[in-house]
Amino acid sequence: MTTLSFDDDGVDVVYQGTEFRLSKDLVEEATQKSYFDVTDHEVLQMVEEEPNLGGEPRRIGDIVR
């Protein structure tokens, strides 16, 4: 299971027991979108090859505010 924790500056990720951080700039560069317009599903797709995308996608801007 992958855990994503969002804040204004990036995302803390725990993937298969490994913890790392995706910076805001990296997420924006990878998606070609403003960080706060990227969804949690898009970030999950950056981390996992075949993620289980259950539920509705949520914008990072809605999560951190």
N, C-alpha and C. Protein backbone atom coordinates (compact mmCIF):
# COMPACT_ATOMS: atom_id res chain seq x y z
N MET A 1 0.84 -1.19 0.00
CA MET A 1 0.00 0.00 0.00
C MET A 1 0.89 1.25 0.00
N THR A 2 0.47 2.24 -0.75
CA THR A 2 1.20 3.49 -0.85
C THR A 2 0.48 4.56 -0.04
N THR A 3 1.24 5.32 0.74
CA THR A 3 0.67 6.40 1.53
C THR A 3 1.21 7.73 1.00
N LEU A 4 0.29 8.68 0.78
CA LEU A 4 0.65 10.01 0.31
C LEU A 4 0.24 11.02 1.36
N SER A 5 1.16 11.92 1.74
CA SER A 5 0.87 13.00 2.68
C SER A 5 1.25 14.31 2.01
N PHE A 6 0.25 15.14 1.74
CA PHE A 6 0.45 16.37 1.00
C PHE A 6 0.63 17.57 1.92
N ASP A 7 1.49 18.51 1.51
CA ASP A 7 1.57 19.82 2.14
C ASP A 7 1.83 20.85 1.05
N ASP A 8 2.01 22.09 1.42
CA ASP A 8 2.16 23.16 0.43
C ASP A 8 3.43 23.05 -0.41
N ASP A 9 4.42 22.29 0.05
CA ASP A 9 5.71 22.23 -0.63
C ASP A 9 6.00 20.92 -1.34
N GLY A 10 5.11 19.92 -1.20
CA GLY A 10 5.35 18.64 -1.85
C GLY A 10 4.58 17.51 -1.20
N VAL A 11 5.02 16.30 -1.52
CA VAL A 11 4.32 15.10 -1.07
C VAL A 11 5.30 14.14 -0.40
N ASP A 12 4.98 13.72 0.82
CA ASP A 12 5.73 12.66 1.47
C ASP A 12 5.08 11.34 1.04
N VAL A 13 5.89 10.40 0.58
CA VAL A 13 5.40 9.14 0.05
C VAL A 13 6.01 7.98 0.82
N VAL A 14 5.20 6.98 1.12
CA VAL A 14 5.70 5.71 1.61
C VAL A 14 5.22 4.66 0.61
N TYR A 15 6.19 4.06 -0.11
CA TYR A 15 5.89 3.08 -1.15
C TYR A 15 6.70 1.82 -0.89
N GLN A 16 6.01 0.72 -0.66
CA GLN A 16 6.63 -0.57 -0.37
C GLN A 16 7.69 -0.45 0.73
N GLY A 17 7.34 0.29 1.78
CA GLY A 17 8.22 0.44 2.93
C GLY A 17 9.32 1.48 2.78
N THR A 18 9.42 2.11 1.62
CA THR A 18 10.44 3.13 1.38
C THR A 18 9.79 4.51 1.46
N GLU A 19 10.39 5.40 2.26
CA GLU A 19 9.89 6.76 2.41
C GLU A 19 10.72 7.71 1.55
N PHE A 20 10.03 8.59 0.83
CA PHE A 20 10.71 9.62 0.06
C PHE A 20 9.77 10.80 -0.15
N ARG A 21 10.31 11.86 -0.70
CA ARG A 21 9.54 13.10 -0.89
C ARG A 21 9.56 13.49 -2.36
N LEU A 22 8.41 13.89 -2.87
CA LEU A 22 8.28 14.49 -4.19
C LEU A 22 8.07 15.99 -3.98
N SER A 23 8.99 16.78 -4.49
CA SER A 23 8.88 18.23 -4.30
C SER A 23 7.76 18.79 -5.17
N LYS A 24 7.26 19.93 -4.79
CA LYS A 24 6.24 20.64 -5.55
C LYS A 24 6.70 20.84 -6.99
N ASP A 25 7.96 21.29 -7.17
CA ASP A 25 8.49 21.54 -8.51
C ASP A 25 8.52 20.26 -9.35
N LEU A 26 8.90 19.15 -8.76
CA LEU A 26 8.95 17.88 -9.48
C LEU A 26 7.56 17.45 -9.94
N VAL A 27 6.57 17.59 -9.07
CA VAL A 27 5.19 17.23 -9.42
C VAL A 27 4.69 18.12 -10.56
N GLU A 28 4.99 19.42 -10.48
CA GLU A 28 4.56 20.34 -11.54
C GLU A 28 5.24 20.01 -12.86
N GLU A 29 6.52 19.70 -12.82
CA GLU A 29 7.24 19.37 -14.04
C GLU A 29 6.71 18.07 -14.67
N ALA A 30 6.44 17.09 -13.84
CA ALA A 30 5.97 15.79 -14.33
C ALA A 30 4.57 15.86 -14.92
N THR A 31 3.72 16.72 -14.37
CA THR A 31 2.33 16.78 -14.81
C THR A 31 2.05 17.95 -15.75
N GLN A 32 2.98 18.90 -15.82
CA GLN A 32 2.78 20.13 -16.61
C GLN A 32 1.54 20.90 -16.15
N LYS A 33 1.29 20.85 -14.83
CA LYS A 33 0.16 21.54 -14.23
C LYS A 33 0.63 22.24 -12.96
N SER A 34 -0.15 23.22 -12.53
CA SER A 34 0.09 23.85 -11.24
C SER A 34 -0.07 22.80 -10.14
N TYR A 35 0.82 22.81 -9.16
CA TYR A 35 0.82 21.82 -8.08
C TYR A 35 -0.56 21.66 -7.46
N PHE A 36 -1.23 22.76 -7.18
CA PHE A 36 -2.52 22.70 -6.48
C PHE A 36 -3.65 22.20 -7.37
N ASP A 37 -3.43 22.09 -8.68
CA ASP A 37 -4.43 21.55 -9.61
C ASP A 37 -4.21 20.06 -9.90
N VAL A 38 -3.08 19.50 -9.46
CA VAL A 38 -2.79 18.08 -9.65
C VAL A 38 -3.66 17.29 -8.67
N THR A 39 -4.09 16.10 -9.09
CA THR A 39 -4.91 15.28 -8.20
C THR A 39 -4.07 14.21 -7.50
N ASP A 40 -4.63 13.69 -6.42
CA ASP A 40 -3.96 12.61 -5.70
C ASP A 40 -3.78 11.39 -6.60
N HIS A 41 -4.72 11.15 -7.51
CA HIS A 41 -4.60 10.03 -8.44
C HIS A 41 -3.41 10.21 -9.38
N GLU A 42 -3.17 11.43 -9.83
CA GLU A 42 -2.04 11.70 -10.72
C GLU A 42 -0.71 11.44 -9.99
N VAL A 43 -0.64 11.85 -8.73
CA VAL A 43 0.58 11.61 -7.95
C VAL A 43 0.77 10.11 -7.74
N LEU A 44 -0.29 9.41 -7.43
CA LEU A 44 -0.21 7.96 -7.24
C LEU A 44 0.28 7.27 -8.51
N GLN A 45 -0.14 7.75 -9.66
CA GLN A 45 0.31 7.18 -10.93
C GLN A 45 1.79 7.47 -11.17
N MET A 46 2.32 8.53 -10.60
CA MET A 46 3.75 8.81 -10.70
C MET A 46 4.56 7.80 -9.89
N VAL A 47 3.98 7.29 -8.82
CA VAL A 47 4.70 6.42 -7.89
C VAL A 47 4.56 4.95 -8.26
N GLU A 48 3.34 4.52 -8.59
CA GLU A 48 3.05 3.11 -8.85
C GLU A 48 2.82 2.87 -10.34
N GLU A 49 3.20 1.69 -10.81
CA GLU A 49 2.97 1.33 -12.20
C GLU A 49 1.49 1.11 -12.49
N GLU A 50 0.81 0.36 -11.63
CA GLU A 50 -0.60 0.05 -11.82
C GLU A 50 -1.36 0.30 -10.51
N PRO A 51 -1.59 1.57 -10.20
CA PRO A 51 -2.24 1.88 -8.92
C PRO A 51 -3.72 1.53 -8.92
N ASN A 52 -4.23 1.25 -7.74
CA ASN A 52 -5.66 1.04 -7.56
C ASN A 52 -6.27 2.41 -7.30
N LEU A 53 -6.95 2.96 -8.29
CA LEU A 53 -7.48 4.33 -8.21
C LEU A 53 -8.94 4.32 -7.77
N GLY A 54 -9.17 3.89 -6.54
CA GLY A 54 -10.53 3.87 -6.02
C GLY A 54 -10.96 5.25 -5.56
N GLY A 55 -12.25 5.52 -5.63
CA GLY A 55 -12.77 6.80 -5.18
C GLY A 55 -12.56 7.91 -6.18
N GLU A 56 -13.05 9.07 -5.84
CA GLU A 56 -12.93 10.25 -6.71
C GLU A 56 -11.57 10.90 -6.53
N PRO A 57 -10.96 11.36 -7.63
CA PRO A 57 -9.69 12.09 -7.50
C PRO A 57 -9.91 13.41 -6.77
N ARG A 58 -8.94 13.80 -5.95
CA ARG A 58 -9.02 15.06 -5.20
C ARG A 58 -7.84 15.93 -5.57
N ARG A 59 -8.10 17.22 -5.82
CA ARG A 59 -7.04 18.19 -6.10
C ARG A 59 -6.20 18.42 -4.86
N ILE A 60 -4.89 18.55 -5.05
CA ILE A 60 -4.01 18.84 -3.92
C ILE A 60 -4.45 20.13 -3.23
N GLY A 61 -4.87 21.12 -4.01
CA GLY A 61 -5.35 22.38 -3.43
C GLY A 61 -6.52 22.19 -2.47
N ASP A 62 -7.36 21.20 -2.72
CA ASP A 62 -8.50 20.91 -1.82
C ASP A 62 -8.05 20.11 -0.61
N ILE A 63 -6.99 19.33 -0.76
CA ILE A 63 -6.50 18.50 0.34
C ILE A 63 -5.77 19.33 1.39
N VAL A 64 -4.90 20.24 0.95
CA VAL A 64 -4.06 20.97 1.89
C VAL A 64 -4.72 22.22 2.46
N ARG A 65 -5.86 22.58 1.95
CA ARG A 65 -6.53 23.80 2.46
C ARG A 65 -7.79 23.49 3.19
